[in-house]
Amino acid sequence: MKEKILQIKKENPTWGYKRISLIVNCAPNTVKYYLHPEEKKKSYERGCKARKNLNHILKRKKDNFNTLGGYQFRKFSKREESHFSAKELKEKVIQTPFCYLTGNSINLTEAKSYELDHIVPRSKGGTNQLENCGLASRNANRSKADMSLEEYLDLCQRVLKYHGFIVTKN
């Protein structure tokens, strides 16, 4: 594609990005990327910024997981620290960016679309360890609340049966 873009620009120096992009069938920014070396640097910097943003998001998620959410809860309870770093969390999450409750894919750059869940709820003896940390879509985590996984699956099964579905386990 690069060679084709450079060839077209060489033959038609007055043509703009949009016209070339229509011929090559790509985005105008792709044409700009290949025609101007400084665009490569900007593109790389945007990628670095996105990676840095993901690191920031996951650190915030880890902090929320450790403090159990909000300021008021911390105010009235002792805070249990985790024994894992944001880097360890990132490694676990990036390997499997799927909701452990629904199996849906999760876009890690959309911080509001997912949460970290205590697989075994703190109210039922769970800890803030990495092994007890599960990546879940926001809706699934909110619906699970402080139920254990077995309680949650039982509730889902009862809801489905009530609405006329037949539930079988694979």
N, C-alpha and C. Protein backbone atom coordinates (compact mmCIF):
# COMPACT_ATOMS: atom_id res chain seq x y z
N MET A 1 0.83 -1.19 0.00
CA MET A 1 0.00 0.00 0.00
C MET A 1 0.88 1.25 0.00
N LYS A 2 1.96 1.21 0.78
CA LYS A 2 2.84 2.37 0.87
C LYS A 2 3.37 2.75 -0.51
N GLU A 3 3.84 1.73 -1.25
CA GLU A 3 4.41 2.00 -2.57
C GLU A 3 3.37 2.61 -3.50
N LYS A 4 2.14 2.09 -3.44
CA LYS A 4 1.07 2.58 -4.30
C LYS A 4 0.75 4.04 -3.98
N ILE A 5 0.69 4.38 -2.69
CA ILE A 5 0.41 5.77 -2.27
C ILE A 5 1.52 6.70 -2.77
N LEU A 6 2.77 6.29 -2.56
CA LEU A 6 3.90 7.12 -2.98
C LEU A 6 3.93 7.28 -4.50
N GLN A 7 3.59 6.23 -5.23
CA GLN A 7 3.56 6.28 -6.70
C GLN A 7 2.48 7.26 -7.17
N ILE A 8 1.28 7.18 -6.60
CA ILE A 8 0.19 8.08 -7.00
C ILE A 8 0.54 9.53 -6.71
N LYS A 9 1.13 9.80 -5.54
CA LYS A 9 1.50 11.16 -5.17
C LYS A 9 2.59 11.70 -6.11
N LYS A 10 3.51 10.82 -6.50
CA LYS A 10 4.58 11.23 -7.41
C LYS A 10 4.02 11.60 -8.79
N GLU A 11 3.06 10.82 -9.25
CA GLU A 11 2.46 11.08 -10.56
C GLU A 11 1.49 12.27 -10.53
N ASN A 12 0.85 12.51 -9.38
CA ASN A 12 -0.15 13.58 -9.24
C ASN A 12 0.14 14.39 -7.98
N PRO A 13 1.13 15.26 -8.02
CA PRO A 13 1.55 15.98 -6.81
C PRO A 13 0.49 16.94 -6.24
N THR A 14 -0.51 17.31 -7.03
CA THR A 14 -1.51 18.25 -6.52
C THR A 14 -2.68 17.56 -5.82
N TRP A 15 -2.75 16.25 -5.93
CA TRP A 15 -3.87 15.53 -5.31
C TRP A 15 -3.73 15.53 -3.79
N GLY A 16 -4.88 15.60 -3.14
CA GLY A 16 -4.90 15.59 -1.68
C GLY A 16 -5.05 14.18 -1.10
N TYR A 17 -5.00 14.12 0.21
CA TYR A 17 -5.09 12.83 0.92
C TYR A 17 -6.39 12.09 0.62
N LYS A 18 -7.48 12.84 0.59
CA LYS A 18 -8.78 12.22 0.40
C LYS A 18 -8.89 11.56 -0.96
N ARG A 19 -8.44 12.25 -1.99
CA ARG A 19 -8.54 11.70 -3.35
C ARG A 19 -7.68 10.45 -3.49
N ILE A 20 -6.47 10.50 -2.93
CA ILE A 20 -5.59 9.33 -2.99
C ILE A 20 -6.19 8.19 -2.18
N SER A 21 -6.77 8.51 -1.03
CA SER A 21 -7.34 7.45 -0.17
C SER A 21 -8.51 6.75 -0.87
N LEU A 22 -9.26 7.47 -1.70
CA LEU A 22 -10.36 6.85 -2.44
C LEU A 22 -9.84 5.87 -3.50
N ILE A 23 -8.74 6.22 -4.11
CA ILE A 23 -8.15 5.35 -5.13
C ILE A 23 -7.54 4.10 -4.50
N VAL A 24 -6.82 4.29 -3.40
CA VAL A 24 -6.12 3.18 -2.73
C VAL A 24 -7.08 2.39 -1.84
N ASN A 25 -8.23 2.98 -1.54
CA ASN A 25 -9.23 2.36 -0.67
C ASN A 25 -8.72 2.21 0.77
N CYS A 26 -8.35 3.36 1.33
CA CYS A 26 -7.91 3.39 2.72
C CYS A 26 -8.33 4.73 3.33
N ALA A 27 -8.03 4.92 4.58
CA ALA A 27 -8.38 6.17 5.26
C ALA A 27 -7.41 7.28 4.86
N PRO A 28 -7.89 8.54 4.81
CA PRO A 28 -6.98 9.65 4.49
C PRO A 28 -5.79 9.75 5.45
N ASN A 29 -6.01 9.38 6.70
CA ASN A 29 -4.90 9.42 7.67
C ASN A 29 -3.81 8.41 7.32
N THR A 30 -4.18 7.32 6.68
CA THR A 30 -3.18 6.33 6.26
C THR A 30 -2.29 6.94 5.17
N VAL A 31 -2.92 7.66 4.26
CA VAL A 31 -2.15 8.34 3.20
C VAL A 31 -1.21 9.37 3.83
N LYS A 32 -1.74 10.13 4.75
CA LYS A 32 -0.93 11.15 5.44
C LYS A 32 0.24 10.49 6.17
N TYR A 33 -0.02 9.35 6.79
CA TYR A 33 1.01 8.61 7.53
C TYR A 33 2.20 8.27 6.64
N TYR A 34 1.91 7.81 5.42
CA TYR A 34 2.98 7.41 4.52
C TYR A 34 3.65 8.57 3.80
N LEU A 35 2.95 9.67 3.62
CA LEU A 35 3.52 10.79 2.89
C LEU A 35 4.33 11.74 3.75
N HIS A 36 4.10 11.73 5.06
CA HIS A 36 4.81 12.66 5.92
C HIS A 36 5.47 11.90 7.08
N PRO A 37 6.80 11.89 7.11
CA PRO A 37 7.52 11.13 8.14
C PRO A 37 7.17 11.54 9.58
N GLU A 38 6.83 12.82 9.78
CA GLU A 38 6.49 13.26 11.15
C GLU A 38 5.19 12.62 11.65
N GLU A 39 4.34 12.16 10.72
CA GLU A 39 3.10 11.49 11.12
C GLU A 39 3.38 10.15 11.78
N LYS A 40 4.45 9.46 11.35
CA LYS A 40 4.81 8.19 11.97
C LYS A 40 5.14 8.41 13.44
N LYS A 41 5.87 9.49 13.72
CA LYS A 41 6.25 9.80 15.10
C LYS A 41 5.00 10.11 15.92
N LYS A 42 4.09 10.91 15.36
CA LYS A 42 2.84 11.25 16.06
C LYS A 42 2.01 10.01 16.33
N SER A 43 1.95 9.12 15.33
CA SER A 43 1.19 7.88 15.47
C SER A 43 1.78 7.02 16.59
N TYR A 44 3.11 6.93 16.63
CA TYR A 44 3.78 6.16 17.68
C TYR A 44 3.48 6.75 19.06
N GLU A 45 3.52 8.09 19.12
CA GLU A 45 3.24 8.75 20.41
C GLU A 45 1.80 8.50 20.85
N ARG A 46 0.85 8.50 19.90
CA ARG A 46 -0.53 8.19 20.26
C ARG A 46 -0.65 6.79 20.81
N GLY A 47 0.09 5.85 20.20
CA GLY A 47 0.09 4.47 20.69
C GLY A 47 0.65 4.38 22.09
N CYS A 48 1.74 5.13 22.35
CA CYS A 48 2.33 5.16 23.69
C CYS A 48 1.33 5.74 24.69
N LYS A 49 0.62 6.78 24.26
CA LYS A 49 -0.36 7.40 25.14
C LYS A 49 -1.49 6.43 25.46
N ALA A 50 -1.93 5.65 24.46
CA ALA A 50 -2.99 4.67 24.69
C ALA A 50 -2.52 3.59 25.66
N ARG A 51 -1.26 3.13 25.50
CA ARG A 51 -0.73 2.12 26.43
C ARG A 51 -0.61 2.69 27.83
N LYS A 52 -0.15 3.95 27.92
CA LYS A 52 -0.02 4.59 29.22
C LYS A 52 -1.40 4.75 29.86
N ASN A 53 -2.40 5.10 29.04
CA ASN A 53 -3.77 5.25 29.52
C ASN A 53 -4.29 3.92 30.06
N LEU A 54 -4.02 2.82 29.36
CA LEU A 54 -4.44 1.50 29.83
C LEU A 54 -3.79 1.18 31.17
N ASN A 55 -2.50 1.49 31.31
CA ASN A 55 -1.82 1.27 32.59
C ASN A 55 -2.49 2.07 33.69
N HIS A 56 -2.84 3.31 33.41
CA HIS A 56 -3.51 4.17 34.39
C HIS A 56 -4.88 3.60 34.77
N ILE A 57 -5.64 3.16 33.77
CA ILE A 57 -6.97 2.59 34.02
C ILE A 57 -6.86 1.38 34.92
N LEU A 58 -5.92 0.47 34.59
CA LEU A 58 -5.79 -0.76 35.38
C LEU A 58 -5.29 -0.47 36.80
N LYS A 59 -4.45 0.55 36.96
CA LYS A 59 -4.01 0.91 38.31
C LYS A 59 -5.19 1.41 39.12
N ARG A 60 -6.05 2.23 38.49
CA ARG A 60 -7.24 2.73 39.18
C ARG A 60 -8.18 1.58 39.54
N LYS A 61 -8.36 0.63 38.59
CA LYS A 61 -9.21 -0.53 38.85
C LYS A 61 -8.66 -1.31 40.04
N LYS A 62 -7.34 -1.49 40.09
CA LYS A 62 -6.72 -2.23 41.19
C LYS A 62 -6.95 -1.50 42.51
N ASP A 63 -6.78 -0.18 42.49
CA ASP A 63 -6.99 0.60 43.72
C ASP A 63 -8.43 0.48 44.19
N ASN A 64 -9.38 0.55 43.27
CA ASN A 64 -10.79 0.40 43.63
C ASN A 64 -11.08 -0.99 44.17
N PHE A 65 -10.44 -2.00 43.56
CA PHE A 65 -10.62 -3.38 44.02
C PHE A 65 -10.12 -3.51 45.46
N ASN A 66 -8.99 -2.86 45.76
CA ASN A 66 -8.41 -2.95 47.09
C ASN A 66 -9.26 -2.22 48.13
N THR A 67 -9.82 -1.08 47.75
CA THR A 67 -10.55 -0.28 48.73
C THR A 67 -12.04 -0.56 48.69
N LEU A 68 -12.45 -1.46 47.80
CA LEU A 68 -13.86 -1.81 47.66
C LEU A 68 -14.70 -0.63 47.23
N GLY A 69 -14.16 0.18 46.37
CA GLY A 69 -14.99 1.21 45.77
C GLY A 69 -14.86 2.58 46.36
N GLY A 70 -15.79 2.97 47.16
CA GLY A 70 -15.92 4.38 47.50
C GLY A 70 -15.31 4.82 48.81
N TYR A 71 -15.25 6.11 48.95
CA TYR A 71 -14.67 6.76 50.12
C TYR A 71 -15.43 6.42 51.39
N GLN A 72 -16.76 6.41 51.33
CA GLN A 72 -17.54 6.17 52.54
C GLN A 72 -17.30 4.78 53.10
N PHE A 73 -17.14 3.80 52.24
CA PHE A 73 -16.90 2.45 52.74
C PHE A 73 -15.56 2.39 53.46
N ARG A 74 -14.54 3.03 52.88
CA ARG A 74 -13.22 3.05 53.51
C ARG A 74 -13.27 3.74 54.86
N LYS A 75 -14.11 4.76 54.95
CA LYS A 75 -14.20 5.55 56.17
C LYS A 75 -14.62 4.70 57.37
N PHE A 76 -15.43 3.67 57.11
CA PHE A 76 -15.98 2.90 58.21
C PHE A 76 -15.37 1.50 58.36
N SER A 77 -14.42 1.14 57.51
CA SER A 77 -13.85 -0.20 57.62
C SER A 77 -12.34 -0.16 57.52
N LYS A 78 -11.71 -1.23 58.00
CA LYS A 78 -10.27 -1.34 57.84
C LYS A 78 -9.98 -1.71 56.40
N ARG A 79 -8.94 -1.17 55.88
CA ARG A 79 -8.59 -1.39 54.49
C ARG A 79 -7.59 -2.53 54.40
N GLU A 80 -7.92 -3.55 53.64
CA GLU A 80 -7.01 -4.67 53.43
C GLU A 80 -6.22 -4.43 52.16
N GLU A 81 -4.93 -4.47 52.27
CA GLU A 81 -4.08 -4.27 51.09
C GLU A 81 -3.93 -5.57 50.32
N SER A 82 -3.77 -5.45 49.02
CA SER A 82 -3.53 -6.63 48.20
C SER A 82 -2.03 -6.88 48.16
N HIS A 83 -1.67 -8.03 47.71
CA HIS A 83 -0.27 -8.38 47.60
C HIS A 83 0.10 -8.59 46.14
N PHE A 84 -0.47 -7.77 45.26
CA PHE A 84 -0.12 -7.83 43.84
C PHE A 84 -0.02 -6.42 43.30
N SER A 85 0.78 -6.29 42.26
CA SER A 85 1.00 -4.97 41.66
C SER A 85 0.06 -4.75 40.48
N ALA A 86 -0.01 -3.50 40.05
CA ALA A 86 -0.82 -3.18 38.87
C ALA A 86 -0.24 -3.88 37.64
N LYS A 87 1.08 -4.09 37.62
CA LYS A 87 1.71 -4.80 36.50
C LYS A 87 1.24 -6.26 36.45
N GLU A 88 1.17 -6.91 37.61
CA GLU A 88 0.69 -8.30 37.65
C GLU A 88 -0.77 -8.37 37.21
N LEU A 89 -1.56 -7.39 37.64
CA LEU A 89 -2.96 -7.34 37.23
C LEU A 89 -3.07 -7.17 35.72
N LYS A 90 -2.25 -6.28 35.16
CA LYS A 90 -2.27 -6.04 33.72
C LYS A 90 -1.94 -7.32 32.96
N GLU A 91 -0.93 -8.07 33.42
CA GLU A 91 -0.56 -9.31 32.76
C GLU A 91 -1.72 -10.30 32.77
N LYS A 92 -2.41 -10.40 33.91
CA LYS A 92 -3.54 -11.33 34.01
C LYS A 92 -4.69 -10.90 33.10
N VAL A 93 -5.00 -9.62 33.12
CA VAL A 93 -6.15 -9.10 32.38
C VAL A 93 -5.92 -9.13 30.88
N ILE A 94 -4.72 -8.78 30.42
CA ILE A 94 -4.44 -8.73 28.99
C ILE A 94 -4.45 -10.14 28.39
N GLN A 95 -4.07 -11.15 29.17
CA GLN A 95 -4.08 -12.52 28.65
C GLN A 95 -5.50 -12.97 28.31
N THR A 96 -6.47 -12.59 29.12
CA THR A 96 -7.86 -13.02 28.90
C THR A 96 -8.80 -11.83 29.08
N PRO A 97 -8.93 -10.97 28.06
CA PRO A 97 -9.82 -9.81 28.19
C PRO A 97 -11.28 -10.18 27.94
N PHE A 98 -11.78 -11.12 28.74
CA PHE A 98 -13.16 -11.56 28.63
C PHE A 98 -13.81 -11.50 30.01
N CYS A 99 -15.11 -11.25 30.04
CA CYS A 99 -15.86 -11.27 31.29
C CYS A 99 -15.91 -12.71 31.78
N TYR A 100 -15.50 -12.95 33.01
CA TYR A 100 -15.49 -14.32 33.52
C TYR A 100 -16.90 -14.80 33.85
N LEU A 101 -17.88 -13.91 33.88
CA LEU A 101 -19.26 -14.29 34.15
C LEU A 101 -20.05 -14.57 32.86
N THR A 102 -19.88 -13.73 31.85
CA THR A 102 -20.66 -13.88 30.61
C THR A 102 -19.87 -14.43 29.44
N GLY A 103 -18.55 -14.32 29.49
CA GLY A 103 -17.72 -14.75 28.37
C GLY A 103 -17.58 -13.71 27.27
N ASN A 104 -18.22 -12.55 27.43
CA ASN A 104 -18.14 -11.49 26.43
C ASN A 104 -16.76 -10.86 26.41
N SER A 105 -16.33 -10.44 25.22
CA SER A 105 -15.06 -9.75 25.06
C SER A 105 -15.14 -8.36 25.70
N ILE A 106 -14.03 -7.90 26.27
CA ILE A 106 -14.00 -6.60 26.95
C ILE A 106 -12.93 -5.74 26.31
N ASN A 107 -13.30 -4.50 25.97
CA ASN A 107 -12.35 -3.52 25.46
C ASN A 107 -11.70 -2.84 26.66
N LEU A 108 -10.43 -3.13 26.91
CA LEU A 108 -9.76 -2.64 28.11
C LEU A 108 -9.55 -1.13 28.12
N THR A 109 -9.65 -0.48 26.95
CA THR A 109 -9.47 0.97 26.93
C THR A 109 -10.74 1.73 27.31
N GLU A 110 -11.88 1.03 27.39
CA GLU A 110 -13.13 1.65 27.82
C GLU A 110 -13.34 1.34 29.30
N ALA A 111 -12.79 2.18 30.15
CA ALA A 111 -12.75 1.90 31.59
C ALA A 111 -14.13 1.72 32.22
N LYS A 112 -15.13 2.38 31.69
CA LYS A 112 -16.46 2.30 32.29
C LYS A 112 -17.22 1.04 31.90
N SER A 113 -16.67 0.25 30.98
CA SER A 113 -17.40 -0.93 30.50
C SER A 113 -17.10 -2.19 31.32
N TYR A 114 -16.10 -2.13 32.19
CA TYR A 114 -15.76 -3.32 32.97
C TYR A 114 -15.32 -2.96 34.38
N GLU A 115 -15.32 -3.96 35.23
CA GLU A 115 -14.91 -3.79 36.63
C GLU A 115 -14.12 -5.02 37.06
N LEU A 116 -13.41 -4.87 38.17
CA LEU A 116 -12.76 -6.03 38.77
C LEU A 116 -13.67 -6.53 39.87
N ASP A 117 -13.89 -7.82 39.89
CA ASP A 117 -14.83 -8.42 40.83
C ASP A 117 -14.10 -9.34 41.79
N HIS A 118 -14.56 -9.36 43.03
CA HIS A 118 -14.10 -10.37 43.98
C HIS A 118 -14.86 -11.64 43.63
N ILE A 119 -14.17 -12.65 43.11
CA ILE A 119 -14.83 -13.89 42.72
C ILE A 119 -15.53 -14.50 43.93
N VAL A 120 -14.80 -14.60 45.03
CA VAL A 120 -15.43 -14.96 46.31
C VAL A 120 -15.62 -13.63 47.04
N PRO A 121 -16.85 -13.18 47.27
CA PRO A 121 -17.08 -11.86 47.86
C PRO A 121 -16.41 -11.71 49.22
N ARG A 122 -16.00 -10.50 49.51
CA ARG A 122 -15.38 -10.21 50.81
C ARG A 122 -16.34 -10.59 51.94
N SER A 123 -17.64 -10.37 51.73
CA SER A 123 -18.62 -10.68 52.77
C SER A 123 -18.73 -12.19 53.03
N LYS A 124 -18.17 -12.98 52.13
CA LYS A 124 -18.21 -14.44 52.29
C LYS A 124 -16.81 -15.01 52.50
N GLY A 125 -15.88 -14.16 52.94
CA GLY A 125 -14.53 -14.61 53.27
C GLY A 125 -13.49 -14.45 52.18
N GLY A 126 -13.83 -13.80 51.09
CA GLY A 126 -12.88 -13.58 50.00
C GLY A 126 -11.82 -12.56 50.38
N THR A 127 -10.72 -12.57 49.65
CA THR A 127 -9.60 -11.67 49.93
C THR A 127 -9.34 -10.75 48.74
N ASN A 128 -8.39 -9.86 48.91
CA ASN A 128 -7.97 -8.96 47.85
C ASN A 128 -6.76 -9.52 47.11
N GLN A 129 -6.65 -10.82 47.00
CA GLN A 129 -5.55 -11.45 46.29
C GLN A 129 -5.84 -11.48 44.80
N LEU A 130 -4.80 -11.56 44.00
CA LEU A 130 -4.95 -11.58 42.55
C LEU A 130 -5.78 -12.78 42.09
N GLU A 131 -5.66 -13.90 42.76
CA GLU A 131 -6.40 -15.11 42.39
C GLU A 131 -7.91 -14.91 42.59
N ASN A 132 -8.29 -14.00 43.46
CA ASN A 132 -9.71 -13.74 43.75
C ASN A 132 -10.24 -12.57 42.92
N CYS A 133 -9.44 -12.10 41.99
CA CYS A 133 -9.80 -10.95 41.16
C CYS A 133 -10.25 -11.44 39.79
N GLY A 134 -11.48 -11.09 39.42
CA GLY A 134 -11.99 -11.49 38.11
C GLY A 134 -12.41 -10.29 37.30
N LEU A 135 -12.11 -10.29 36.02
CA LEU A 135 -12.51 -9.23 35.10
C LEU A 135 -13.95 -9.50 34.69
N ALA A 136 -14.82 -8.52 34.90
CA ALA A 136 -16.25 -8.72 34.58
C ALA A 136 -16.81 -7.47 33.91
N SER A 137 -17.78 -7.68 33.04
CA SER A 137 -18.46 -6.52 32.46
C SER A 137 -19.20 -5.82 33.59
N ARG A 138 -19.39 -4.54 33.45
CA ARG A 138 -19.99 -3.75 34.51
C ARG A 138 -21.37 -4.28 34.91
N ASN A 139 -22.22 -4.55 33.91
CA ASN A 139 -23.57 -5.02 34.21
C ASN A 139 -23.56 -6.36 34.93
N ALA A 140 -22.72 -7.28 34.46
CA ALA A 140 -22.66 -8.61 35.07
C ALA A 140 -22.17 -8.50 36.52
N ASN A 141 -21.16 -7.67 36.74
CA ASN A 141 -20.63 -7.52 38.11
C ASN A 141 -21.67 -6.88 39.03
N ARG A 142 -22.38 -5.89 38.52
CA ARG A 142 -23.41 -5.23 39.34
C ARG A 142 -24.54 -6.20 39.67
N SER A 143 -24.90 -7.06 38.72
CA SER A 143 -25.99 -8.00 38.99
C SER A 143 -25.55 -9.10 39.95
N LYS A 144 -24.28 -9.45 39.93
CA LYS A 144 -23.76 -10.48 40.85
C LYS A 144 -23.72 -9.94 42.28
N ALA A 145 -23.43 -8.67 42.42
CA ALA A 145 -23.36 -8.00 43.73
C ALA A 145 -22.44 -8.78 44.68
N ASP A 146 -22.96 -9.18 45.86
CA ASP A 146 -22.10 -9.88 46.82
C ASP A 146 -22.43 -11.37 46.90
N MET A 147 -22.96 -11.93 45.80
CA MET A 147 -23.25 -13.36 45.77
C MET A 147 -21.99 -14.14 45.39
N SER A 148 -21.93 -15.38 45.84
CA SER A 148 -20.87 -16.26 45.36
C SER A 148 -21.21 -16.65 43.93
N LEU A 149 -20.27 -17.21 43.22
CA LEU A 149 -20.51 -17.60 41.84
C LEU A 149 -21.63 -18.64 41.76
N GLU A 150 -21.65 -19.58 42.70
CA GLU A 150 -22.70 -20.60 42.70
C GLU A 150 -24.08 -19.98 42.93
N GLU A 151 -24.16 -19.05 43.88
CA GLU A 151 -25.44 -18.37 44.15
C GLU A 151 -25.90 -17.58 42.94
N TYR A 152 -24.96 -16.91 42.28
CA TYR A 152 -25.29 -16.11 41.11
C TYR A 152 -25.80 -16.99 39.96
N LEU A 153 -25.10 -18.10 39.71
CA LEU A 153 -25.54 -19.00 38.64
C LEU A 153 -26.90 -19.61 38.95
N ASP A 154 -27.14 -19.92 40.23
CA ASP A 154 -28.44 -20.45 40.63
C ASP A 154 -29.54 -19.41 40.39
N LEU A 155 -29.26 -18.16 40.73
CA LEU A 155 -30.23 -17.08 40.49
C LEU A 155 -30.51 -16.93 39.00
N CYS A 156 -29.46 -16.92 38.17
CA CYS A 156 -29.64 -16.80 36.72
C CYS A 156 -30.50 -17.95 36.19
N GLN A 157 -30.24 -19.15 36.69
CA GLN A 157 -31.01 -20.32 36.26
C GLN A 157 -32.48 -20.17 36.63
N ARG A 158 -32.77 -19.70 37.86
CA ARG A 158 -34.16 -19.52 38.28
C ARG A 158 -34.86 -18.45 37.45
N VAL A 159 -34.16 -17.38 37.12
CA VAL A 159 -34.74 -16.31 36.30
C VAL A 159 -35.09 -16.86 34.91
N LEU A 160 -34.16 -17.59 34.32
CA LEU A 160 -34.42 -18.15 32.99
C LEU A 160 -35.58 -19.14 33.01
N LYS A 161 -35.63 -20.00 34.01
CA LYS A 161 -36.73 -20.98 34.11
C LYS A 161 -38.06 -20.27 34.29
N TYR A 162 -38.09 -19.22 35.10
CA TYR A 162 -39.32 -18.47 35.33
C TYR A 162 -39.86 -17.89 34.02
N HIS A 163 -38.95 -17.52 33.14
CA HIS A 163 -39.35 -16.92 31.87
C HIS A 163 -39.48 -17.95 30.75
N GLY A 164 -39.53 -19.24 31.10
CA GLY A 164 -39.85 -20.27 30.12
C GLY A 164 -38.68 -20.90 29.40
N PHE A 165 -37.45 -20.61 29.82
CA PHE A 165 -36.29 -21.21 29.17
C PHE A 165 -35.94 -22.54 29.82
N ILE A 166 -35.39 -23.43 29.05
CA ILE A 166 -34.89 -24.70 29.59
C ILE A 166 -33.38 -24.54 29.73
N VAL A 167 -32.88 -24.78 30.93
CA VAL A 167 -31.46 -24.58 31.21
C VAL A 167 -30.79 -25.95 31.36
N THR A 168 -29.76 -26.16 30.53
CA THR A 168 -28.96 -27.38 30.64
C THR A 168 -27.50 -26.99 30.72
N LYS A 169 -26.71 -27.82 31.36
CA LYS A 169 -25.28 -27.55 31.49
C LYS A 169 -24.53 -28.33 30.44
N ASN A 170 -23.61 -27.67 29.73
CA ASN A 170 -22.80 -28.34 28.70
C ASN A 170 -21.73 -29.19 29.31
